[in-house]
Amino acid sequence: MSRLSLAVQTVTTRVAQVPTLVFDEVDAGIGGRVAEIVGNMLRRLGGRHQVMCITHLPQVAATADRQWQVTKTSANGKVLSRVAPLEGNDRVEEIARMLGGVKITETTRRHAAEMLKSGDR
């Protein structure tokens, strides 16, 4: 459903006056090459509109102009959410975490840096 929405938004934004588009996990159930294509579609949309996308895939996150990390913690029966902008090395570390999970290696970091460089085109 999210990818259908992305396709519809891509076509209709050429005539619509919508300033901001929000996609929640448009990458659900995809990976690899398809995730890269979705990321590039979102990036193109971002050239004409403000696009916000919640994603768990590094292929999608790496194409963004800006990235934030959202974390949730719970203590004493309360849930707290924190949103932090990521830049430079913090962004490389987050993409590496998305790629490699718990154990992040130098190879994972290099791959993350390469993905971010490719996403900047």
PDB file of N, CA and C in Angstrom:
ATOM      1  N   MET A   1       0.812  -1.192   0.000  1.00  0.00           N
ATOM      2  CA  MET A   1       0.000   0.000   0.000  1.00  0.00           C
ATOM      3  C   MET A   1       0.865   1.269   0.000  1.00  0.00           C
ATOM      4  N   SER A   2       1.954   1.231   0.811  1.00  0.00           N
ATOM      5  CA  SER A   2       2.841   2.390   0.866  1.00  0.00           C
ATOM      6  C   SER A   2       3.493   2.657  -0.482  1.00  0.00           C
ATOM      7  N   ARG A   3       3.920   1.590  -1.177  1.00  0.00           N
ATOM      8  CA  ARG A   3       4.558   1.777  -2.475  1.00  0.00           C
ATOM      9  C   ARG A   3       3.564   2.245  -3.522  1.00  0.00           C
ATOM     10  N   LEU A   4       2.324   1.819  -3.413  1.00  0.00           N
ATOM     11  CA  LEU A   4       1.285   2.328  -4.304  1.00  0.00           C
ATOM     12  C   LEU A   4       1.100   3.823  -4.058  1.00  0.00           C
ATOM     13  N   SER A   5       1.075   4.211  -2.795  1.00  0.00           N
ATOM     14  CA  SER A   5       0.972   5.631  -2.449  1.00  0.00           C
ATOM     15  C   SER A   5       2.158   6.413  -3.018  1.00  0.00           C
ATOM     16  N   LEU A   6       3.357   5.846  -2.922  1.00  0.00           N
ATOM     17  CA  LEU A   6       4.536   6.505  -3.473  1.00  0.00           C
ATOM     18  C   LEU A   6       4.393   6.693  -4.982  1.00  0.00           C
ATOM     19  N   ALA A   7       3.924   5.678  -5.675  1.00  0.00           N
ATOM     20  CA  ALA A   7       3.733   5.773  -7.123  1.00  0.00           C
ATOM     21  C   ALA A   7       2.705   6.840  -7.468  1.00  0.00           C
ATOM     22  N   VAL A   8       1.598   6.851  -6.770  1.00  0.00           N
ATOM     23  CA  VAL A   8       0.544   7.841  -7.019  1.00  0.00           C
ATOM     24  C   VAL A   8       1.072   9.248  -6.734  1.00  0.00           C
ATOM     25  N   GLN A   9       1.771   9.411  -5.611  1.00  0.00           N
ATOM     26  CA  GLN A   9       2.318  10.729  -5.259  1.00  0.00           C
ATOM     27  C   GLN A   9       3.329  11.197  -6.302  1.00  0.00           C
ATOM     28  N   THR A  10       4.131  10.288  -6.799  1.00  0.00           N
ATOM     29  CA  THR A  10       5.135  10.643  -7.804  1.00  0.00           C
ATOM     30  C   THR A  10       4.476  11.201  -9.054  1.00  0.00           C
ATOM     31  N   VAL A  11       3.385  10.596  -9.467  1.00  0.00           N
ATOM     32  CA  VAL A  11       2.681  11.041 -10.670  1.00  0.00           C
ATOM     33  C   VAL A  11       1.885  12.318 -10.417  1.00  0.00           C
ATOM     34  N   THR A  12       1.138  12.373  -9.314  1.00  0.00           N
ATOM     35  CA  THR A  12       0.231  13.510  -9.087  1.00  0.00           C
ATOM     36  C   THR A  12       0.927  14.771  -8.595  1.00  0.00           C
ATOM     37  N   THR A  13       2.125  14.669  -8.031  1.00  0.00           N
ATOM     38  CA  THR A  13       2.780  15.882  -7.527  1.00  0.00           C
ATOM     39  C   THR A  13       3.202  16.821  -8.638  1.00  0.00           C
ATOM     40  N   ARG A  14       3.205  16.350  -9.837  1.00  0.00           N
ATOM     41  CA  ARG A  14       3.541  17.240 -10.956  1.00  0.00           C
ATOM     42  C   ARG A  14       2.474  18.307 -11.165  1.00  0.00           C
ATOM     43  N   VAL A  15       1.238  18.017 -10.739  1.00  0.00           N
ATOM     44  CA  VAL A  15       0.155  18.990 -10.903  1.00  0.00           C
ATOM     45  C   VAL A  15      -0.419  19.469  -9.573  1.00  0.00           C
ATOM     46  N   ALA A  16      -0.168  18.732  -8.499  1.00  0.00           N
ATOM     47  CA  ALA A  16      -0.725  19.093  -7.194  1.00  0.00           C
ATOM     48  C   ALA A  16       0.165  20.125  -6.493  1.00  0.00           C
ATOM     49  N   GLN A  17      -0.439  20.865  -5.593  1.00  0.00           N
ATOM     50  CA  GLN A  17       0.273  21.880  -4.822  1.00  0.00           C
ATOM     51  C   GLN A  17       0.462  21.415  -3.381  1.00  0.00           C
ATOM     52  N   VAL A  18       0.950  20.212  -3.207  1.00  0.00           N
ATOM     53  CA  VAL A  18       1.152  19.644  -1.877  1.00  0.00           C
ATOM     54  C   VAL A  18       2.588  19.957  -1.449  1.00  0.00           C
ATOM     55  N   PRO A  19       2.782  20.738  -0.369  1.00  0.00           N
ATOM     56  CA  PRO A  19       4.143  21.120   0.007  1.00  0.00           C
ATOM     57  C   PRO A  19       4.935  20.015   0.719  1.00  0.00           C
ATOM     58  N   THR A  20       4.256  19.155   1.470  1.00  0.00           N
ATOM     59  CA  THR A  20       4.946  18.143   2.262  1.00  0.00           C
ATOM     60  C   THR A  20       4.300  16.777   2.065  1.00  0.00           C
ATOM     61  N   LEU A  21       5.144  15.769   1.850  1.00  0.00           N
ATOM     62  CA  LEU A  21       4.683  14.393   1.715  1.00  0.00           C
ATOM     63  C   LEU A  21       5.304  13.580   2.837  1.00  0.00           C
ATOM     64  N   VAL A  22       4.507  12.743   3.492  1.00  0.00           N
ATOM     65  CA  VAL A  22       4.995  11.913   4.593  1.00  0.00           C
ATOM     66  C   VAL A  22       4.727  10.453   4.242  1.00  0.00           C
ATOM     67  N   PHE A  23       5.788   9.647   4.322  1.00  0.00           N
ATOM     68  CA  PHE A  23       5.679   8.215   4.055  1.00  0.00           C
ATOM     69  C   PHE A  23       6.130   7.462   5.293  1.00  0.00           C
ATOM     70  N   ASP A  24       5.294   6.560   5.773  1.00  0.00           N
ATOM     71  CA  ASP A  24       5.606   5.758   6.952  1.00  0.00           C
ATOM     72  C   ASP A  24       5.963   4.352   6.502  1.00  0.00           C
ATOM     73  N   GLU A  25       7.239   4.017   6.586  1.00  0.00           N
ATOM     74  CA  GLU A  25       7.749   2.695   6.236  1.00  0.00           C
ATOM     75  C   GLU A  25       7.336   2.263   4.834  1.00  0.00           C
ATOM     76  N   VAL A  26       7.599   3.130   3.870  1.00  0.00           N
ATOM     77  CA  VAL A  26       7.314   2.830   2.468  1.00  0.00           C
ATOM     78  C   VAL A  26       8.147   1.634   2.005  1.00  0.00           C
ATOM     79  N   ASP A  27       9.167   1.277   2.794  1.00  0.00           N
ATOM     80  CA  ASP A  27      10.073   0.197   2.434  1.00  0.00           C
ATOM     81  C   ASP A  27       9.703  -1.155   3.043  1.00  0.00           C
ATOM     82  N   ALA A  28       8.550  -1.257   3.665  1.00  0.00           N
ATOM     83  CA  ALA A  28       8.151  -2.520   4.318  1.00  0.00           C
ATOM     84  C   ALA A  28       8.118  -3.651   3.295  1.00  0.00           C
ATOM     85  N   GLY A  29       8.815  -4.742   3.610  1.00  0.00           N
ATOM     86  CA  GLY A  29       8.779  -5.932   2.774  1.00  0.00           C
ATOM     87  C   GLY A  29       9.662  -5.895   1.543  1.00  0.00           C
ATOM     88  N   ILE A  30      10.543  -4.909   1.434  1.00  0.00           N
ATOM     89  CA  ILE A  30      11.435  -4.848   0.279  1.00  0.00           C
ATOM     90  C   ILE A  30      12.884  -4.814   0.768  1.00  0.00           C
ATOM     91  N   GLY A  31      13.798  -4.869  -0.149  1.00  0.00           N
ATOM     92  CA  GLY A  31      15.208  -4.780   0.189  1.00  0.00           C
ATOM     93  C   GLY A  31      16.035  -4.662  -1.063  1.00  0.00           C
ATOM     94  N   GLY A  32      17.339  -4.555  -0.883  1.00  0.00           N
ATOM     95  CA  GLY A  32      18.269  -4.544  -1.992  1.00  0.00           C
ATOM     96  C   GLY A  32      17.974  -3.522  -3.063  1.00  0.00           C
ATOM     97  N   ARG A  33      17.940  -3.983  -4.299  1.00  0.00           N
ATOM     98  CA  ARG A  33      17.769  -3.113  -5.469  1.00  0.00           C
ATOM     99  C   ARG A  33      16.452  -2.337  -5.427  1.00  0.00           C
ATOM    100  N   VAL A  34      15.369  -2.981  -5.018  1.00  0.00           N
ATOM    101  CA  VAL A  34      14.071  -2.294  -4.961  1.00  0.00           C
ATOM    102  C   VAL A  34      14.119  -1.171  -3.939  1.00  0.00           C
ATOM    103  N   ALA A  35      14.779  -1.393  -2.798  1.00  0.00           N
ATOM    104  CA  ALA A  35      14.912  -0.347  -1.782  1.00  0.00           C
ATOM    105  C   ALA A  35      15.695   0.837  -2.336  1.00  0.00           C
ATOM    106  N   GLU A  36      16.711   0.558  -3.114  1.00  0.00           N
ATOM    107  CA  GLU A  36      17.504   1.626  -3.728  1.00  0.00           C
ATOM    108  C   GLU A  36      16.645   2.441  -4.703  1.00  0.00           C
ATOM    109  N   ILE A  37      15.815   1.761  -5.478  1.00  0.00           N
ATOM    110  CA  ILE A  37      14.916   2.445  -6.417  1.00  0.00           C
ATOM    111  C   ILE A  37      13.925   3.323  -5.648  1.00  0.00           C
ATOM    112  N   VAL A  38      13.333   2.791  -4.578  1.00  0.00           N
ATOM    113  CA  VAL A  38      12.391   3.567  -3.758  1.00  0.00           C
ATOM    114  C   VAL A  38      13.101   4.789  -3.181  1.00  0.00           C
ATOM    115  N   GLY A  39      14.313   4.608  -2.663  1.00  0.00           N
ATOM    116  CA  GLY A  39      15.076   5.744  -2.131  1.00  0.00           C
ATOM    117  C   GLY A  39      15.306   6.811  -3.181  1.00  0.00           C
ATOM    118  N   ASN A  40      15.655   6.396  -4.391  1.00  0.00           N
ATOM    119  CA  ASN A  40      15.872   7.363  -5.465  1.00  0.00           C
ATOM    120  C   ASN A  40      14.582   8.065  -5.877  1.00  0.00           C
ATOM    121  N   MET A  41      13.458   7.355  -5.856  1.00  0.00           N
ATOM    122  CA  MET A  41      12.165   7.996  -6.147  1.00  0.00           C
ATOM    123  C   MET A  41      11.853   9.061  -5.091  1.00  0.00           C
ATOM    124  N   LEU A  42      12.089   8.725  -3.838  1.00  0.00           N
ATOM    125  CA  LEU A  42      11.853   9.689  -2.763  1.00  0.00           C
ATOM    126  C   LEU A  42      12.771  10.903  -2.910  1.00  0.00           C
ATOM    127  N   ARG A  43      14.004  10.663  -3.285  1.00  0.00           N
ATOM    128  CA  ARG A  43      14.952  11.766  -3.480  1.00  0.00           C
ATOM    129  C   ARG A  43      14.484  12.700  -4.603  1.00  0.00           C
ATOM    130  N   ARG A  44      13.995  12.114  -5.702  1.00  0.00           N
ATOM    131  CA  ARG A  44      13.481  12.940  -6.806  1.00  0.00           C
ATOM    132  C   ARG A  44      12.268  13.756  -6.356  1.00  0.00           C
ATOM    133  N   LEU A  45      11.371  13.127  -5.597  1.00  0.00           N
ATOM    134  CA  LEU A  45      10.223  13.861  -5.059  1.00  0.00           C
ATOM    135  C   LEU A  45      10.700  15.010  -4.176  1.00  0.00           C
ATOM    136  N   GLY A  46      11.776  14.772  -3.424  1.00  0.00           N
ATOM    137  CA  GLY A  46      12.327  15.788  -2.543  1.00  0.00           C
ATOM    138  C   GLY A  46      12.877  16.990  -3.278  1.00  0.00           C
ATOM    139  N   GLY A  47      13.114  16.859  -4.565  1.00  0.00           N
ATOM    140  CA  GLY A  47      13.555  18.001  -5.368  1.00  0.00           C
ATOM    141  C   GLY A  47      12.445  18.996  -5.615  1.00  0.00           C
ATOM    142  N   ARG A  48      11.191  18.551  -5.464  1.00  0.00           N
ATOM    143  CA  ARG A  48      10.039  19.419  -5.722  1.00  0.00           C
ATOM    144  C   ARG A  48       9.189  19.680  -4.481  1.00  0.00           C
ATOM    145  N   HIS A  49       9.327  18.831  -3.464  1.00  0.00           N
ATOM    146  CA  HIS A  49       8.496  18.909  -2.265  1.00  0.00           C
ATOM    147  C   HIS A  49       9.337  18.562  -1.046  1.00  0.00           C
ATOM    148  N   GLN A  50       8.832  18.907   0.119  1.00  0.00           N
ATOM    149  CA  GLN A  50       9.447  18.413   1.340  1.00  0.00           C
ATOM    150  C   GLN A  50       8.928  16.998   1.539  1.00  0.00           C
ATOM    151  N   VAL A  51       9.838  16.045   1.687  1.00  0.00           N
ATOM    152  CA  VAL A  51       9.471  14.638   1.846  1.00  0.00           C
ATOM    153  C   VAL A  51      10.032  14.143   3.177  1.00  0.00           C
ATOM    154  N   MET A  52       9.171  13.548   3.976  1.00  0.00           N
ATOM    155  CA  MET A  52       9.597  12.924   5.226  1.00  0.00           C
ATOM    156  C   MET A  52       9.261  11.447   5.115  1.00  0.00           C
ATOM    157  N   CYS A  53      10.227  10.603   5.479  1.00  0.00           N
ATOM    158  CA  CYS A  53      10.040   9.164   5.325  1.00  0.00           C
ATOM    159  C   CYS A  53      10.592   8.444   6.541  1.00  0.00           C
ATOM    160  N   ILE A  54       9.779   7.613   7.139  1.00  0.00           N
ATOM    161  CA  ILE A  54      10.232   6.736   8.213  1.00  0.00           C
ATOM    162  C   ILE A  54      10.709   5.460   7.543  1.00  0.00           C
ATOM    163  N   THR A  55      11.962   5.082   7.793  1.00  0.00           N
ATOM    164  CA  THR A  55      12.533   3.913   7.127  1.00  0.00           C
ATOM    165  C   THR A  55      13.427   3.129   8.076  1.00  0.00           C
ATOM    166  N   HIS A  56      13.569   1.851   7.794  1.00  0.00           N
ATOM    167  CA  HIS A  56      14.487   0.985   8.519  1.00  0.00           C
ATOM    168  C   HIS A  56      15.550   0.430   7.584  1.00  0.00           C
ATOM    169  N   LEU A  57      15.542   0.867   6.331  1.00  0.00           N
ATOM    170  CA  LEU A  57      16.487   0.339   5.357  1.00  0.00           C
ATOM    171  C   LEU A  57      17.590   1.352   5.042  1.00  0.00           C
ATOM    172  N   PRO A  58      18.836   0.911   5.108  1.00  0.00           N
ATOM    173  CA  PRO A  58      19.937   1.820   4.817  1.00  0.00           C
ATOM    174  C   PRO A  58      19.931   2.310   3.367  1.00  0.00           C
ATOM    175  N   GLN A  59      19.423   1.504   2.439  1.00  0.00           N
ATOM    176  CA  GLN A  59      19.370   1.920   1.037  1.00  0.00           C
ATOM    177  C   GLN A  59      18.478   3.140   0.861  1.00  0.00           C
ATOM    178  N   VAL A  60      17.411   3.225   1.629  1.00  0.00           N
ATOM    179  CA  VAL A  60      16.499   4.363   1.559  1.00  0.00           C
ATOM    180  C   VAL A  60      17.083   5.539   2.335  1.00  0.00           C
ATOM    181  N   ALA A  61      17.552   5.296   3.551  1.00  0.00           N
ATOM    182  CA  ALA A  61      18.095   6.364   4.390  1.00  0.00           C
ATOM    183  C   ALA A  61      19.289   7.050   3.741  1.00  0.00           C
ATOM    184  N   ALA A  62      20.112   6.303   3.033  1.00  0.00           N
ATOM    185  CA  ALA A  62      21.326   6.859   2.432  1.00  0.00           C
ATOM    186  C   ALA A  62      21.035   7.861   1.324  1.00  0.00           C
ATOM    187  N   THR A  63      19.840   7.839   0.753  1.00  0.00           N
ATOM    188  CA  THR A  63      19.510   8.772  -0.331  1.00  0.00           C
ATOM    189  C   THR A  63      18.973  10.101   0.180  1.00  0.00           C
ATOM    190  N   ALA A  64      18.715  10.183   1.473  1.00  0.00           N
ATOM    191  CA  ALA A  64      18.115  11.401   2.045  1.00  0.00           C
ATOM    192  C   ALA A  64      19.123  12.542   2.143  1.00  0.00           C
ATOM    193  N   ASP A  65      18.608  13.768   2.039  1.00  0.00           N
ATOM    194  CA  ASP A  65      19.449  14.942   2.267  1.00  0.00           C
ATOM    195  C   ASP A  65      19.779  15.092   3.742  1.00  0.00           C
ATOM    196  N   ARG A  66      18.818  14.738   4.585  1.00  0.00           N
ATOM    197  CA  ARG A  66      18.997  14.827   6.035  1.00  0.00           C
ATOM    198  C   ARG A  66      18.437  13.566   6.671  1.00  0.00           C
ATOM    199  N   GLN A  67      19.014  13.229   7.820  1.00  0.00           N
ATOM    200  CA  GLN A  67      18.575  12.020   8.510  1.00  0.00           C
ATOM    201  C   GLN A  67      18.496  12.291  10.004  1.00  0.00           C
ATOM    202  N   TRP A  68      17.444  11.772  10.630  1.00  0.00           N
ATOM    203  CA  TRP A  68      17.265  11.853  12.075  1.00  0.00           C
ATOM    204  C   TRP A  68      17.135  10.441  12.619  1.00  0.00           C
ATOM    205  N   GLN A  69      17.572  10.272  13.827  1.00  0.00           N
ATOM    206  CA  GLN A  69      17.410   8.986  14.503  1.00  0.00           C
ATOM    207  C   GLN A  69      16.351   9.166  15.584  1.00  0.00           C
ATOM    208  N   VAL A  70      15.369   8.286  15.590  1.00  0.00           N
ATOM    209  CA  VAL A  70      14.315   8.314  16.605  1.00  0.00           C
ATOM    210  C   VAL A  70      14.538   7.113  17.517  1.00  0.00           C
ATOM    211  N   THR A  71      14.636   7.373  18.806  1.00  0.00           N
ATOM    212  CA  THR A  71      14.793   6.292  19.777  1.00  0.00           C
ATOM    213  C   THR A  71      13.701   6.399  20.833  1.00  0.00           C
ATOM    214  N   LYS A  72      13.280   5.235  21.320  1.00  0.00           N
ATOM    215  CA  LYS A  72      12.285   5.186  22.392  1.00  0.00           C
ATOM    216  C   LYS A  72      12.881   4.437  23.567  1.00  0.00           C
ATOM    217  N   THR A  73      12.635   4.971  24.748  1.00  0.00           N
ATOM    218  CA  THR A  73      13.051   4.286  25.969  1.00  0.00           C
ATOM    219  C   THR A  73      11.869   4.306  26.931  1.00  0.00           C
ATOM    220  N   SER A  74      11.852   3.337  27.834  1.00  0.00           N
ATOM    221  CA  SER A  74      10.794   3.333  28.843  1.00  0.00           C
ATOM    222  C   SER A  74      11.446   3.200  30.213  1.00  0.00           C
ATOM    223  N   ALA A  75      10.925   3.967  31.144  1.00  0.00           N
ATOM    224  CA  ALA A  75      11.406   3.933  32.525  1.00  0.00           C
ATOM    225  C   ALA A  75      10.280   4.380  33.433  1.00  0.00           C
ATOM    226  N   ASN A  76      10.112   3.683  34.509  1.00  0.00           N
ATOM    227  CA  ASN A  76       9.088   4.034  35.499  1.00  0.00           C
ATOM    228  C   ASN A  76       7.702   4.148  34.889  1.00  0.00           C
ATOM    229  N   GLY A  77       7.393   3.270  33.943  1.00  0.00           N
ATOM    230  CA  GLY A  77       6.071   3.266  33.333  1.00  0.00           C
ATOM    231  C   GLY A  77       5.846   4.358  32.296  1.00  0.00           C
ATOM    232  N   LYS A  78       6.885   5.108  31.943  1.00  0.00           N
ATOM    233  CA  LYS A  78       6.759   6.166  30.943  1.00  0.00           C
ATOM    234  C   LYS A  78       7.610   5.820  29.725  1.00  0.00           C
ATOM    235  N   VAL A  79       7.089   6.140  28.565  1.00  0.00           N
ATOM    236  CA  VAL A  79       7.827   5.951  27.322  1.00  0.00           C
ATOM    237  C   VAL A  79       8.277   7.322  26.836  1.00  0.00           C
ATOM    238  N   LEU A  80       9.560   7.430  26.564  1.00  0.00           N
ATOM    239  CA  LEU A  80      10.120   8.680  26.076  1.00  0.00           C
ATOM    240  C   LEU A  80      10.670   8.479  24.676  1.00  0.00           C
ATOM    241  N   SER A  81      10.390   9.425  23.799  1.00  0.00           N
ATOM    242  CA  SER A  81      10.927   9.394  22.442  1.00  0.00           C
ATOM    243  C   SER A  81      11.926  10.528  22.301  1.00  0.00           C
ATOM    244  N   ARG A  82      12.982  10.259  21.559  1.00  0.00           N
ATOM    245  CA  ARG A  82      14.019  11.256  21.329  1.00  0.00           C
ATOM    246  C   ARG A  82      14.313  11.294  19.841  1.00  0.00           C
ATOM    247  N   VAL A  83      14.400  12.492  19.289  1.00  0.00           N
ATOM    248  CA  VAL A  83      14.735  12.669  17.880  1.00  0.00           C
ATOM    249  C   VAL A  83      16.033  13.470  17.819  1.00  0.00           C
ATOM    250  N   ALA A  84      17.023  12.911  17.129  1.00  0.00           N
ATOM    251  CA  ALA A  84      18.326  13.575  17.032  1.00  0.00           C
ATOM    252  C   ALA A  84      18.767  13.637  15.575  1.00  0.00           C
ATOM    253  N   PRO A  85      19.180  14.815  15.123  1.00  0.00           N
ATOM    254  CA  PRO A  85      19.706  14.906  13.758  1.00  0.00           C
ATOM    255  C   PRO A  85      21.045  14.198  13.663  1.00  0.00           C
ATOM    256  N   LEU A  86      21.294  13.586  12.510  1.00  0.00           N
ATOM    257  CA  LEU A  86      22.545  12.872  12.282  1.00  0.00           C
ATOM    258  C   LEU A  86      23.325  13.556  11.167  1.00  0.00           C
ATOM    259  N   GLU A  87      24.595  13.795  11.436  1.00  0.00           N
ATOM    260  CA  GLU A  87      25.468  14.387  10.426  1.00  0.00           C
ATOM    261  C   GLU A  87      26.839  13.737  10.519  1.00  0.00           C
ATOM    262  N   GLY A  88      27.588  13.826   9.439  1.00  0.00           N
ATOM    263  CA  GLY A  88      28.970  13.357   9.431  1.00  0.00           C
ATOM    264  C   GLY A  88      29.118  11.916   9.887  1.00  0.00           C
ATOM    265  N   ASN A  89      30.036  11.711  10.829  1.00  0.00           N
ATOM    266  CA  ASN A  89      30.346  10.368  11.302  1.00  0.00           C
ATOM    267  C   ASN A  89      29.149   9.711  11.988  1.00  0.00           C
ATOM    268  N   ASP A  90      28.297  10.497  12.673  1.00  0.00           N
ATOM    269  CA  ASP A  90      27.108   9.917  13.311  1.00  0.00           C
ATOM    270  C   ASP A  90      26.193   9.281  12.272  1.00  0.00           C
ATOM    271  N   ARG A  91      26.109   9.902  11.124  1.00  0.00           N
ATOM    272  CA  ARG A  91      25.269   9.347  10.060  1.00  0.00           C
ATOM    273  C   ARG A  91      25.885   8.059   9.506  1.00  0.00           C
ATOM    274  N   VAL A  92      27.186   8.048   9.323  1.00  0.00           N
ATOM    275  CA  VAL A  92      27.867   6.832   8.872  1.00  0.00           C
ATOM    276  C   VAL A  92      27.618   5.708   9.871  1.00  0.00           C
ATOM    277  N   GLU A  93      27.735   6.020  11.166  1.00  0.00           N
ATOM    278  CA  GLU A  93      27.524   5.008  12.206  1.00  0.00           C
ATOM    279  C   GLU A  93      26.095   4.460  12.182  1.00  0.00           C
ATOM    280  N   GLU A  94      25.112   5.338  11.965  1.00  0.00           N
ATOM    281  CA  GLU A  94      23.720   4.881  11.936  1.00  0.00           C
ATOM    282  C   GLU A  94      23.442   4.017  10.707  1.00  0.00           C
ATOM    283  N   ILE A  95      23.944   4.416   9.557  1.00  0.00           N
ATOM    284  CA  ILE A  95      23.764   3.587   8.354  1.00  0.00           C
ATOM    285  C   ILE A  95      24.470   2.240   8.562  1.00  0.00           C
ATOM    286  N   ALA A  96      25.657   2.257   9.173  1.00  0.00           N
ATOM    287  CA  ALA A  96      26.379   1.016   9.467  1.00  0.00           C
ATOM    288  C   ALA A  96      25.574   0.141  10.422  1.00  0.00           C
ATOM    289  N   ARG A  97      24.937   0.745  11.418  1.00  0.00           N
ATOM    290  CA  ARG A  97      24.099  -0.018  12.357  1.00  0.00           C
ATOM    291  C   ARG A  97      22.919  -0.638  11.618  1.00  0.00           C
ATOM    292  N   MET A  98      22.329   0.115  10.705  1.00  0.00           N
ATOM    293  CA  MET A  98      21.207  -0.399   9.920  1.00  0.00           C
ATOM    294  C   MET A  98      21.663  -1.567   9.038  1.00  0.00           C
ATOM    295  N   LEU A  99      22.883  -1.497   8.548  1.00  0.00           N
ATOM    296  CA  LEU A  99      23.430  -2.568   7.707  1.00  0.00           C
ATOM    297  C   LEU A  99      23.844  -3.791   8.502  1.00  0.00           C
ATOM    298  N   GLY A 100      24.543  -3.552   9.624  1.00  0.00           N
ATOM    299  CA  GLY A 100      25.213  -4.643  10.293  1.00  0.00           C
ATOM    300  C   GLY A 100      24.622  -5.117  11.592  1.00  0.00           C
ATOM    301  N   GLY A 101      23.659  -4.395  12.130  1.00  0.00           N
ATOM    302  CA  GLY A 101      23.056  -4.830  13.381  1.00  0.00           C
ATOM    303  C   GLY A 101      23.926  -4.549  14.587  1.00  0.00           C
ATOM    304  N   VAL A 102      24.062  -5.527  15.463  1.00  0.00           N
ATOM    305  CA  VAL A 102      24.745  -5.345  16.734  1.00  0.00           C
ATOM    306  C   VAL A 102      26.240  -5.124  16.552  1.00  0.00           C
ATOM    307  N   LYS A 103      26.889  -5.959  15.734  1.00  0.00           N
ATOM    308  CA  LYS A 103      28.334  -5.854  15.553  1.00  0.00           C
ATOM    309  C   LYS A 103      28.649  -5.030  14.312  1.00  0.00           C
ATOM    310  N   ILE A 104      29.235  -3.856  14.546  1.00  0.00           N
ATOM    311  CA  ILE A 104      29.608  -2.974  13.445  1.00  0.00           C
ATOM    312  C   ILE A 104      31.116  -3.083  13.254  1.00  0.00           C
ATOM    313  N   THR A 105      31.507  -3.406  12.031  1.00  0.00           N
ATOM    314  CA  THR A 105      32.927  -3.561  11.717  1.00  0.00           C
ATOM    315  C   THR A 105      33.396  -2.400  10.835  1.00  0.00           C
ATOM    316  N   GLU A 106      34.700  -2.333  10.620  1.00  0.00           N
ATOM    317  CA  GLU A 106      35.236  -1.310   9.721  1.00  0.00           C
ATOM    318  C   GLU A 106      34.722  -1.522   8.300  1.00  0.00           C
ATOM    319  N   THR A 107      34.523  -2.764   7.908  1.00  0.00           N
ATOM    320  CA  THR A 107      33.961  -3.054   6.584  1.00  0.00           C
ATOM    321  C   THR A 107      32.548  -2.502   6.482  1.00  0.00           C
ATOM    322  N   THR A 108      31.765  -2.672   7.532  1.00  0.00           N
ATOM    323  CA  THR A 108      30.396  -2.144   7.546  1.00  0.00           C
ATOM    324  C   THR A 108      30.417  -0.623   7.466  1.00  0.00           C
ATOM    325  N   ARG A 109      31.326  -0.009   8.197  1.00  0.00           N
ATOM    326  CA  ARG A 109      31.450   1.465   8.161  1.00  0.00           C
ATOM    327  C   ARG A 109      31.839   1.951   6.762  1.00  0.00           C
ATOM    328  N   ARG A 110      32.772   1.255   6.120  1.00  0.00           N
ATOM    329  CA  ARG A 110      33.172   1.648   4.763  1.00  0.00           C
ATOM    330  C   ARG A 110      31.994   1.509   3.795  1.00  0.00           C
ATOM    331  N   HIS A 111      31.239   0.425   3.942  1.00  0.00           N
ATOM    332  CA  HIS A 111      30.060   0.227   3.092  1.00  0.00           C
ATOM    333  C   HIS A 111      29.040   1.340   3.331  1.00  0.00           C
ATOM    334  N   ALA A 112      28.815   1.704   4.590  1.00  0.00           N
ATOM    335  CA  ALA A 112      27.885   2.791   4.917  1.00  0.00           C
ATOM    336  C   ALA A 112      28.353   4.102   4.297  1.00  0.00           C
ATOM    337  N   ALA A 113      29.644   4.409   4.418  1.00  0.00           N
ATOM    338  CA  ALA A 113      30.182   5.643   3.839  1.00  0.00           C
ATOM    339  C   ALA A 113      30.022   5.642   2.318  1.00  0.00           C
ATOM    340  N   GLU A 114      30.235   4.492   1.700  1.00  0.00           N
ATOM    341  CA  GLU A 114      30.071   4.369   0.249  1.00  0.00           C
ATOM    342  C   GLU A 114      28.612   4.582  -0.149  1.00  0.00           C
ATOM    343  N   MET A 115      27.683   4.025   0.627  1.00  0.00           N
ATOM    344  CA  MET A 115      26.257   4.197   0.343  1.00  0.00           C
ATOM    345  C   MET A 115      25.878   5.671   0.435  1.00  0.00           C
ATOM    346  N   LEU A 116      26.370   6.355   1.458  1.00  0.00           N
ATOM    347  CA  LEU A 116      26.063   7.778   1.621  1.00  0.00           C
ATOM    348  C   LEU A 116      26.649   8.597   0.482  1.00  0.00           C
ATOM    349  N   LYS A 117      27.842   8.254   0.048  1.00  0.00           N
ATOM    350  CA  LYS A 117      28.452   8.958  -1.071  1.00  0.00           C
ATOM    351  C   LYS A 117      27.647   8.740  -2.347  1.00  0.00           C
ATOM    352  N   SER A 118      27.203   7.504  -2.577  1.00  0.00           N
ATOM    353  CA  SER A 118      26.379   7.191  -3.754  1.00  0.00           C
ATOM    354  C   SER A 118      25.038   7.898  -3.689  1.00  0.00           C
ATOM    355  N   GLY A 119      24.479   8.019  -2.470  1.00  0.00           N
ATOM    356  CA  GLY A 119      23.183   8.680  -2.290  1.00  0.00           C
ATOM    357  C   GLY A 119      23.233  10.167  -2.535  1.00  0.00           C
ATOM    358  N   ASP A 120      24.436  10.758  -2.520  1.00  0.00           N
ATOM    359  CA  ASP A 120      24.583  12.208  -2.722  1.00  0.00           C
ATOM    360  C   ASP A 120      24.505  12.651  -4.166  1.00  0.00           C
ATOM    361  N   ARG A 121      24.415  11.732  -5.084  1.00  0.00           N
ATOM    362  CA  ARG A 121      24.469  12.134  -6.497  1.00  0.00           C
ATOM    363  C   ARG A 121      23.385  13.063  -6.909  1.00  0.00           C
TER     364      ARG A 121
END
